[in-house]
N, C-alpha and C. Protein backbone atom coordinates (compact mmCIF):
# COMPACT_ATOMS: atom_id res chain seq x y z
N MET A 1 76.03 93.28 100.86
CA MET A 1 77.12 94.01 102.07
C MET A 1 78.63 93.58 102.20
N LEU A 2 79.18 94.83 102.16
CA LEU A 2 80.80 95.15 102.22
C LEU A 2 81.40 95.58 103.81
N ILE A 3 81.94 94.81 104.00
CA ILE A 3 82.41 94.98 105.42
C ILE A 3 84.65 95.48 105.63
N ARG A 4 84.44 96.39 105.93
CA ARG A 4 86.33 96.92 106.07
C ARG A 4 86.17 96.33 107.28
N PHE A 5 87.51 96.14 107.96
CA PHE A 5 87.94 95.25 109.06
C PHE A 5 89.66 95.94 108.82
N ASN A 6 89.83 96.24 110.36
CA ASN A 6 91.44 96.51 110.16
C ASN A 6 91.96 95.52 111.07
N LYS A 7 92.63 94.32 110.35
CA LYS A 7 92.97 92.86 110.74
C LYS A 7 94.59 92.99 111.51
N PRO A 8 94.21 92.39 112.82
CA PRO A 8 95.21 92.89 113.98
C PRO A 8 96.60 92.43 113.44
N TYR A 9 97.43 92.44 113.93
CA TYR A 9 98.45 91.09 114.08
C TYR A 9 98.61 89.77 114.64
N GLY A 10 98.45 88.58 114.02
CA GLY A 10 98.55 87.38 114.53
C GLY A 10 97.25 86.55 114.13
N VAL A 11 96.15 87.65 113.25
CA VAL A 11 94.78 87.13 113.26
C VAL A 11 94.75 86.30 111.58
N LEU A 12 94.51 85.10 111.31
CA LEU A 12 94.86 84.91 110.06
C LEU A 12 93.06 85.50 109.36
N SER A 13 93.54 86.03 107.60
CA SER A 13 92.65 85.91 107.07
C SER A 13 91.12 84.57 107.25
N GLN A 14 90.61 84.47 107.35
CA GLN A 14 89.95 82.64 108.19
C GLN A 14 89.36 82.98 109.43
N PHE A 15 87.71 82.12 109.43
CA PHE A 15 87.58 82.35 110.32
C PHE A 15 87.70 81.44 111.60
N THR A 16 88.45 79.83 110.78
CA THR A 16 88.90 79.14 112.11
C THR A 16 90.29 79.73 112.47
N PRO A 17 90.57 79.62 113.61
CA PRO A 17 92.23 79.16 113.79
C PRO A 17 92.40 78.62 113.23
N GLU A 18 94.30 78.50 113.30
CA GLU A 18 94.83 77.54 113.23
C GLU A 18 96.33 77.69 113.65
N GLY A 19 96.69 76.77 114.58
CA GLY A 19 98.09 77.02 115.33
C GLY A 19 98.02 77.48 115.98
N ARG A 20 99.00 78.38 115.96
CA ARG A 20 98.97 79.46 116.95
C ARG A 20 98.43 80.75 116.19
N TRP A 21 98.42 80.96 115.24
CA TRP A 21 97.11 82.16 114.49
C TRP A 21 95.33 81.97 115.17
N ARG A 22 95.16 82.71 115.54
CA ARG A 22 93.02 83.44 115.78
C ARG A 22 92.84 83.00 114.50
N GLY A 23 91.65 82.88 114.38
CA GLY A 23 90.86 83.57 113.41
C GLY A 23 89.86 84.68 113.71
N LEU A 24 89.53 84.89 111.79
CA LEU A 24 87.93 86.03 112.47
C LEU A 24 87.25 86.09 113.08
N LYS A 25 86.61 84.92 113.44
CA LYS A 25 85.98 85.20 114.31
C LYS A 25 85.99 85.40 115.89
N ASP A 26 87.28 85.71 116.02
CA ASP A 26 87.47 86.01 117.14
C ASP A 26 86.66 88.29 117.23
N HIS A 27 87.03 88.57 115.90
CA HIS A 27 86.14 89.31 115.75
C HIS A 27 85.10 90.22 114.79
N ILE A 28 84.66 89.24 113.87
CA ILE A 28 83.31 89.24 113.23
C ILE A 28 82.49 87.75 113.33
N ASP A 29 81.16 88.50 114.17
CA ASP A 29 80.37 87.52 113.77
C ASP A 29 78.98 87.75 113.22
N LEU A 30 79.16 87.28 112.08
CA LEU A 30 78.16 87.60 110.99
C LEU A 30 78.61 86.33 110.31
N PRO A 31 76.72 85.87 109.95
CA PRO A 31 77.43 84.27 109.09
C PRO A 31 76.77 85.22 107.59
N GLY A 32 77.34 84.10 106.98
CA GLY A 32 76.91 84.46 105.58
C GLY A 32 78.34 85.33 104.85
N VAL A 33 79.42 85.80 105.51
CA VAL A 33 80.05 86.59 104.99
C VAL A 33 81.44 85.73 104.65
N TYR A 34 82.26 86.92 103.48
CA TYR A 34 83.27 85.62 103.50
C TYR A 34 84.97 87.07 102.85
N VAL A 35 85.96 86.61 102.74
CA VAL A 35 87.23 87.02 102.74
C VAL A 35 87.06 87.27 101.58
N ALA A 36 86.91 88.88 100.73
CA ALA A 36 87.54 88.99 99.28
C ALA A 36 88.90 89.18 99.35
N GLY A 37 89.92 88.83 99.37
CA GLY A 37 91.92 88.45 99.08
C GLY A 37 92.59 88.22 100.54
N ARG A 38 93.20 87.77 100.66
CA ARG A 38 93.44 87.60 101.76
C ARG A 38 94.87 88.88 102.55
N LEU A 39 95.37 88.80 103.28
CA LEU A 39 96.25 89.46 104.69
C LEU A 39 97.17 88.49 105.06
N ASP A 40 98.27 87.52 105.44
CA ASP A 40 99.39 86.66 105.71
C ASP A 40 98.78 87.44 107.48
N ALA A 41 98.75 86.39 108.49
CA ALA A 41 98.83 86.58 110.02
C ALA A 41 99.70 87.11 110.27
N ASP A 42 100.83 87.69 109.62
CA ASP A 42 101.53 87.86 110.68
C ASP A 42 101.42 90.07 109.78
N SER A 43 100.91 90.55 108.88
CA SER A 43 100.35 91.72 108.07
C SER A 43 98.86 91.94 109.43
N GLU A 44 98.63 93.40 108.78
CA GLU A 44 97.70 94.13 110.12
C GLU A 44 97.04 94.80 108.55
N GLY A 45 96.03 95.29 109.17
CA GLY A 45 95.45 96.36 108.02
C GLY A 45 94.11 96.01 107.57
N LEU A 46 93.53 96.48 106.52
CA LEU A 46 92.79 96.20 105.71
C LEU A 46 91.89 94.99 105.40
N LEU A 47 91.34 94.18 105.42
CA LEU A 47 90.99 93.03 104.83
C LEU A 47 88.96 93.40 104.98
N LEU A 48 88.78 93.15 104.09
CA LEU A 48 87.61 93.84 102.68
C LEU A 48 86.83 92.13 102.85
N LEU A 49 85.44 91.89 103.51
CA LEU A 49 84.40 91.16 104.27
C LEU A 49 83.12 91.32 102.71
N THR A 50 82.74 90.30 102.01
CA THR A 50 81.15 90.69 101.82
C THR A 50 80.66 89.39 101.75
N ASP A 51 79.00 89.75 101.50
CA ASP A 51 78.11 88.26 101.35
C ASP A 51 77.97 88.16 99.70
N ASP A 52 78.53 88.99 99.12
CA ASP A 52 78.34 89.19 97.09
C ASP A 52 79.10 88.54 96.78
N GLY A 53 79.08 87.25 95.76
CA GLY A 53 80.03 86.50 95.17
C GLY A 53 81.08 87.67 94.10
N GLN A 54 80.16 88.46 93.70
CA GLN A 54 80.56 88.92 92.09
C GLN A 54 81.35 89.79 92.62
N LEU A 55 81.41 90.16 93.53
CA LEU A 55 81.90 91.52 94.51
C LEU A 55 83.46 91.25 94.92
N GLN A 56 83.58 89.87 95.86
CA GLN A 56 84.48 89.51 95.86
C GLN A 56 85.20 88.95 94.79
N ALA A 57 84.70 88.33 93.68
CA ALA A 57 85.79 88.15 93.09
C ALA A 57 86.58 89.74 91.93
N ARG A 58 85.47 90.01 91.83
CA ARG A 58 86.58 91.77 91.27
C ARG A 58 87.18 92.12 92.43
N ILE A 59 86.94 91.90 93.73
CA ILE A 59 87.65 92.68 94.69
C ILE A 59 89.16 91.38 94.91
N ALA A 60 89.36 89.82 94.94
CA ALA A 60 90.17 89.48 94.76
C ALA A 60 90.85 88.68 93.80
N ASP A 61 90.04 88.75 92.98
CA ASP A 61 90.64 88.25 91.17
C ASP A 61 91.95 88.85 90.52
N PRO A 62 93.29 88.55 90.73
CA PRO A 62 94.38 88.95 90.01
C PRO A 62 94.32 90.03 88.34
N ARG A 63 93.37 89.31 87.69
CA ARG A 63 93.24 89.71 86.94
C ARG A 63 92.45 90.84 86.68
N PHE A 64 91.75 91.73 87.49
CA PHE A 64 90.96 92.96 87.66
C PHE A 64 91.70 93.84 88.14
N LYS A 65 93.31 93.55 88.23
CA LYS A 65 93.55 94.25 89.03
C LYS A 65 93.96 95.52 89.92
N MET A 66 93.36 95.23 91.00
CA MET A 66 93.20 96.44 91.73
C MET A 66 93.80 96.81 93.16
N GLU A 67 94.40 97.73 92.85
CA GLU A 67 95.89 98.45 93.66
C GLU A 67 95.29 98.01 94.95
N LYS A 68 96.82 97.48 95.39
CA LYS A 68 96.20 97.44 97.35
C LYS A 68 97.59 98.42 97.20
N THR A 69 97.06 99.24 98.28
CA THR A 69 98.24 100.03 99.25
C THR A 69 99.15 99.23 100.43
N TYR A 70 100.26 99.90 101.02
CA TYR A 70 100.80 99.16 102.73
C TYR A 70 101.69 100.08 102.59
N LEU A 71 101.84 100.42 104.09
CA LEU A 71 102.72 100.82 104.33
C LEU A 71 103.02 99.51 105.06
N VAL A 72 104.75 100.30 105.07
CA VAL A 72 106.37 99.29 105.24
C VAL A 72 106.97 99.81 106.12
N GLN A 73 107.57 99.82 107.37
CA GLN A 73 108.02 99.86 108.04
C GLN A 73 109.66 98.34 107.68
N VAL A 74 110.70 98.82 107.52
CA VAL A 74 111.34 98.47 106.79
C VAL A 74 112.82 98.65 107.64
N GLU A 75 113.52 97.08 107.85
CA GLU A 75 115.04 97.68 108.67
C GLU A 75 115.99 98.63 107.40
N GLY A 76 116.78 99.85 107.91
CA GLY A 76 117.51 100.37 106.75
C GLY A 76 116.91 101.71 106.42
N LEU A 77 117.49 102.39 105.77
CA LEU A 77 117.28 103.67 105.71
C LEU A 77 116.70 103.75 103.63
N VAL A 78 115.51 104.12 103.59
CA VAL A 78 115.04 103.72 102.11
C VAL A 78 115.64 104.87 101.13
N ASP A 79 116.33 104.71 100.39
CA ASP A 79 116.35 105.97 99.61
C ASP A 79 116.54 105.01 97.51
N ASP A 80 116.97 105.93 97.13
CA ASP A 80 115.98 106.56 96.05
C ASP A 80 116.61 105.12 94.59
N LYS A 81 117.70 104.83 95.23
CA LYS A 81 117.81 103.58 94.47
C LYS A 81 116.95 102.53 94.48
N ALA A 82 116.62 102.68 95.95
CA ALA A 82 115.64 100.73 96.21
C ALA A 82 114.06 101.33 95.72
N LEU A 83 113.56 102.49 95.64
CA LEU A 83 112.26 103.36 95.61
C LEU A 83 112.14 103.18 93.36
N THR A 84 113.35 103.62 92.66
CA THR A 84 113.41 103.08 91.82
C THR A 84 113.20 101.68 91.43
N ALA A 85 114.00 100.94 91.82
CA ALA A 85 114.08 99.27 91.94
C ALA A 85 112.51 98.92 91.69
N LEU A 86 112.27 99.28 92.90
CA LEU A 86 110.51 98.85 93.16
C LEU A 86 109.30 99.59 92.21
N ALA A 87 110.09 100.93 92.36
CA ALA A 87 108.68 101.61 90.28
C ALA A 87 109.13 100.41 89.81
N ARG A 88 109.96 100.31 88.80
CA ARG A 88 110.25 99.46 87.68
C ARG A 88 109.97 97.96 88.03
N GLY A 89 109.83 97.82 88.90
CA GLY A 89 109.54 95.94 89.06
C GLY A 89 110.78 95.50 89.59
N VAL A 90 110.65 94.74 90.26
CA VAL A 90 111.80 93.83 90.49
C VAL A 90 111.64 92.22 90.56
N THR A 91 112.72 91.12 90.17
CA THR A 91 112.80 90.16 89.95
C THR A 91 112.61 89.18 91.66
N LEU A 92 111.71 88.57 91.64
CA LEU A 92 111.46 87.62 91.84
C LEU A 92 111.71 86.34 91.40
N ASN A 93 111.56 85.00 93.13
CA ASN A 93 112.39 83.52 92.13
C ASN A 93 111.11 83.20 91.47
N ASP A 94 110.19 83.84 91.50
CA ASP A 94 109.03 83.74 91.07
C ASP A 94 108.28 84.60 89.73
N GLY A 95 109.63 85.36 89.57
CA GLY A 95 109.43 86.05 88.00
C GLY A 95 109.48 87.47 88.78
N PRO A 96 109.24 88.29 87.68
CA PRO A 96 108.86 89.65 87.80
C PRO A 96 108.20 90.45 88.32
N THR A 97 108.01 91.06 88.66
CA THR A 97 106.85 92.02 89.76
C THR A 97 106.29 93.12 88.25
N LEU A 98 104.83 93.43 88.89
CA LEU A 98 104.78 94.39 87.85
C LEU A 98 105.77 95.74 88.18
N PRO A 99 105.10 96.81 87.64
CA PRO A 99 106.12 98.13 88.45
C PRO A 99 104.65 98.31 89.10
N ALA A 100 105.33 99.12 90.39
CA ALA A 100 104.64 99.96 91.57
C ALA A 100 104.78 101.44 92.01
N ARG A 101 104.48 101.60 92.81
CA ARG A 101 104.18 102.71 93.26
C ARG A 101 104.82 102.93 94.26
N ALA A 102 106.21 104.05 94.39
CA ALA A 102 107.32 103.12 95.96
C ALA A 102 107.05 105.49 96.38
N GLN A 103 107.14 105.10 98.01
CA GLN A 103 107.74 106.08 98.15
C GLN A 103 107.37 106.86 99.30
N ALA A 104 108.62 106.94 99.74
CA ALA A 104 109.43 107.32 101.29
C ALA A 104 108.43 108.24 102.00
N VAL A 105 108.10 107.64 103.20
CA VAL A 105 107.37 108.27 103.99
C VAL A 105 107.58 108.80 105.55
N GLU A 106 107.05 109.49 106.33
CA GLU A 106 107.40 109.49 107.34
C GLU A 106 107.15 108.41 108.74
N PRO A 107 107.30 108.32 109.15
CA PRO A 107 106.42 107.26 110.28
C PRO A 107 104.96 107.53 110.45
N PRO A 108 103.88 107.00 110.37
CA PRO A 108 102.63 107.65 110.97
C PRO A 108 102.67 107.80 112.89
N ALA A 109 102.50 108.93 112.73
CA ALA A 109 102.08 109.61 113.98
C ALA A 109 101.06 108.90 114.52
N ASP A 110 99.95 107.99 113.99
CA ASP A 110 98.68 108.23 114.62
C ASP A 110 98.72 106.38 114.45
N LEU A 111 99.30 105.64 114.70
CA LEU A 111 99.67 103.81 113.96
C LEU A 111 99.81 103.49 115.78
N TRP A 112 98.28 102.44 115.92
CA TRP A 112 98.29 101.21 116.84
C TRP A 112 99.65 100.74 117.78
N PRO A 113 99.68 100.40 118.42
CA PRO A 113 100.63 99.57 119.30
C PRO A 113 100.92 98.41 118.65
N ARG A 114 102.04 97.30 118.00
CA ARG A 114 101.44 96.04 117.86
C ARG A 114 102.03 95.36 118.96
N ASN A 115 101.03 94.23 118.66
CA ASN A 115 101.49 92.94 120.15
C ASN A 115 101.60 92.23 118.86
N PRO A 116 102.82 91.87 119.10
CA PRO A 116 103.94 91.86 119.91
C PRO A 116 104.64 93.54 118.71
N PRO A 117 105.35 93.46 120.05
CA PRO A 117 106.15 94.61 118.84
C PRO A 117 107.26 94.36 117.74
N ILE A 118 107.34 95.16 117.05
CA ILE A 118 108.46 94.27 116.32
C ILE A 118 109.89 94.45 116.81
N ARG A 119 111.02 93.41 115.98
CA ARG A 119 111.83 93.54 116.56
C ARG A 119 113.00 94.86 115.97
N GLU A 120 113.60 94.62 116.66
CA GLU A 120 114.55 96.44 116.90
C GLU A 120 116.03 95.98 117.15
N ARG A 121 116.31 96.31 115.74
CA ARG A 121 118.55 95.84 116.53
C ARG A 121 118.80 97.83 116.59
N GLN A 122 119.64 97.45 117.33
CA GLN A 122 120.02 99.14 118.24
C GLN A 122 120.69 99.60 117.43
N ASN A 123 121.45 98.48 116.68
CA ASN A 123 122.86 99.73 115.47
C ASN A 123 121.98 99.29 113.86
N ILE A 124 120.59 99.30 113.29
CA ILE A 124 119.77 99.69 112.08
C ILE A 124 118.43 100.26 112.42
N PRO A 125 119.10 101.47 111.67
CA PRO A 125 118.28 102.52 111.60
C PRO A 125 116.69 101.17 110.89
N THR A 126 115.03 102.48 110.48
CA THR A 126 114.05 101.81 110.50
C THR A 126 113.71 102.63 109.87
N SER A 127 113.02 102.34 108.40
CA SER A 127 112.03 103.42 108.17
C SER A 127 111.26 103.24 107.36
N TRP A 128 110.20 104.12 107.09
CA TRP A 128 108.29 103.36 105.88
C TRP A 128 108.54 104.16 104.28
N LEU A 129 107.69 103.50 104.34
CA LEU A 129 107.84 103.55 103.15
C LEU A 129 106.71 103.01 102.52
N GLU A 130 105.57 103.94 101.20
CA GLU A 130 103.68 103.68 100.76
C GLU A 130 104.22 103.05 100.24
N LEU A 131 103.80 101.40 99.29
CA LEU A 131 104.04 100.48 98.33
C LEU A 131 102.30 100.56 98.00
N SER A 132 102.60 100.79 96.85
CA SER A 132 101.32 99.81 95.86
C SER A 132 101.24 98.97 94.82
N ILE A 133 100.83 98.41 94.95
CA ILE A 133 100.73 97.04 94.03
C ILE A 133 99.76 96.48 93.24
N ARG A 134 99.44 96.27 92.29
CA ARG A 134 98.75 95.07 91.45
C ARG A 134 98.16 93.88 91.33
N GLU A 135 99.01 93.57 91.74
CA GLU A 135 99.68 92.06 91.79
C GLU A 135 99.47 90.98 93.47
N GLY A 136 98.94 89.82 93.58
CA GLY A 136 98.84 89.71 95.20
C GLY A 136 99.43 88.07 95.05
N ARG A 137 100.20 88.83 95.22
CA ARG A 137 101.45 87.09 95.05
C ARG A 137 101.44 86.83 96.74
N ASN A 138 101.97 85.85 97.05
CA ASN A 138 102.22 85.41 98.07
C ASN A 138 103.21 86.51 99.20
N ARG A 139 103.80 86.51 99.96
CA ARG A 139 103.89 87.47 100.92
C ARG A 139 104.89 88.70 100.10
N GLN A 140 104.58 88.92 99.39
CA GLN A 140 104.65 89.82 97.32
C GLN A 140 105.27 91.10 98.26
N VAL A 141 104.87 91.38 99.43
CA VAL A 141 105.11 93.24 99.27
C VAL A 141 106.75 92.90 100.27
N ARG A 142 106.64 91.36 100.89
CA ARG A 142 107.57 91.64 101.75
C ARG A 142 108.79 90.84 101.10
N ARG A 143 108.60 90.78 99.60
CA ARG A 143 110.11 89.73 99.04
C ARG A 143 110.14 90.90 97.99
N MET A 144 109.09 91.79 97.73
CA MET A 144 109.71 92.82 96.88
C MET A 144 111.00 94.05 98.28
N THR A 145 110.79 93.80 98.97
CA THR A 145 111.51 94.79 99.61
C THR A 145 113.02 94.34 100.11
N ALA A 146 112.50 93.12 100.02
CA ALA A 146 114.06 92.35 100.71
C ALA A 146 115.22 92.35 99.48
N ALA A 147 113.71 91.76 98.55
CA ALA A 147 115.03 92.15 96.74
C ALA A 147 115.87 93.10 97.11
N VAL A 148 115.48 94.29 97.27
CA VAL A 148 115.83 95.97 97.11
C VAL A 148 117.04 96.10 99.06
N GLY A 149 116.81 95.20 99.69
CA GLY A 149 117.78 95.23 100.78
C GLY A 149 116.95 95.48 101.47
N LEU A 150 115.62 95.71 101.75
CA LEU A 150 115.02 96.45 103.34
C LEU A 150 113.83 95.36 103.65
N PRO A 151 114.10 94.66 104.78
CA PRO A 151 113.25 93.42 105.03
C PRO A 151 112.58 94.15 105.88
N THR A 152 110.97 93.73 105.15
CA THR A 152 110.10 94.51 106.27
C THR A 152 109.97 93.58 107.73
N LEU A 153 109.53 94.86 108.53
CA LEU A 153 109.40 94.57 109.41
C LEU A 153 107.99 94.26 110.23
N ARG A 154 107.13 95.34 109.72
CA ARG A 154 105.78 95.41 109.79
C ARG A 154 105.31 96.04 108.29
N LEU A 155 104.17 95.39 108.63
CA LEU A 155 103.00 95.83 107.31
C LEU A 155 101.77 95.65 107.20
N ILE A 156 101.25 97.13 106.71
CA ILE A 156 100.42 97.49 106.89
C ILE A 156 98.94 97.74 105.90
N ARG A 157 98.61 96.87 105.58
CA ARG A 157 97.15 97.10 104.26
C ARG A 157 96.46 98.96 104.47
N THR A 158 96.47 99.18 103.82
CA THR A 158 95.91 101.05 104.19
C THR A 158 94.57 100.68 103.13
N ALA A 159 94.60 99.94 101.85
CA ALA A 159 93.62 100.46 100.71
C ALA A 159 93.88 99.15 99.75
N ILE A 160 92.31 99.31 99.19
CA ILE A 160 92.17 98.29 98.28
C ILE A 160 91.33 98.77 97.14
N GLY A 161 91.87 99.32 96.12
CA GLY A 161 91.11 100.13 95.28
C GLY A 161 90.81 101.24 95.59
N PRO A 162 88.93 101.89 95.80
CA PRO A 162 88.75 102.51 96.28
C PRO A 162 88.29 102.50 97.56
N TYR A 163 88.49 101.24 98.64
CA TYR A 163 88.87 101.16 99.83
C TYR A 163 89.54 101.44 100.90
N HIS A 164 89.16 102.08 101.82
CA HIS A 164 90.41 102.35 103.05
C HIS A 164 90.54 102.46 103.97
N LEU A 165 91.88 102.65 104.86
CA LEU A 165 91.19 101.96 106.40
C LEU A 165 91.11 103.01 107.29
N ARG A 166 91.57 104.35 106.62
CA ARG A 166 91.13 105.53 107.21
C ARG A 166 91.44 105.54 108.31
N ASP A 167 90.21 105.86 109.79
CA ASP A 167 90.53 106.04 111.52
C ASP A 167 89.98 104.76 112.05
N LEU A 168 89.89 103.63 110.65
CA LEU A 168 89.15 102.25 111.93
C LEU A 168 90.21 101.41 112.57
N PRO A 169 89.63 101.72 114.14
CA PRO A 169 90.60 100.95 114.86
C PRO A 169 90.90 99.74 114.66
N THR A 170 92.14 99.59 115.24
CA THR A 170 92.94 98.09 115.25
C THR A 170 91.54 96.49 116.04
N GLY A 171 91.26 95.83 115.16
CA GLY A 171 90.69 94.84 115.21
C GLY A 171 89.48 94.98 115.28
N THR A 172 88.57 96.51 115.03
CA THR A 172 87.11 96.54 114.66
C THR A 172 86.14 96.30 113.29
N TRP A 173 85.49 96.72 113.06
CA TRP A 173 84.70 96.71 111.62
C TRP A 173 83.97 97.68 111.44
N GLN A 174 83.79 97.24 110.22
CA GLN A 174 82.66 98.43 109.92
C GLN A 174 81.69 98.86 108.32
N THR A 175 81.00 98.45 108.39
CA THR A 175 80.08 98.46 107.42
C THR A 175 80.20 99.46 106.03
N VAL A 176 80.56 99.32 104.90
CA VAL A 176 81.02 100.12 104.01
C VAL A 176 79.51 100.71 103.21
N ASP A 177 78.91 101.86 102.80
CA ASP A 177 77.86 102.20 103.02
C ASP A 177 77.77 101.87 100.57
């Protein structure tokens, strides 16, 4: 069995809550399923769960380099220089990243509101980009956008390999056929 879950902000990629963060058990009450890959509590979007250990390894193991795609709201305006740097790969404190696919996108029209809302500064514009990576380092997307001068305000994973978030409402899950 494979499940796609639209993880809300403030939920950990584990069943048990910890500190101020809620756990998956508040949303998914199925025995024997495990998370395939992680998504930080302050990130939203697609999380896959399965009861198949081999499938879990294929999805989560960095050796398989399964592409992950994110919608990222950043502070500042996305420009060609930032997109080129992201596409070539940027150097982080733990070494250079692999090249990424990066493009500026319009703000998503059908996006659910985040609770709590992002911080907004009156004199600093925000913009959106779509970023696809084949690695999974700790907080990698946030560190990559910061490295090109665009701090991440909101991060939503929309796809993992062939699996997509599509129109799955936040906080809900669905089995994948």
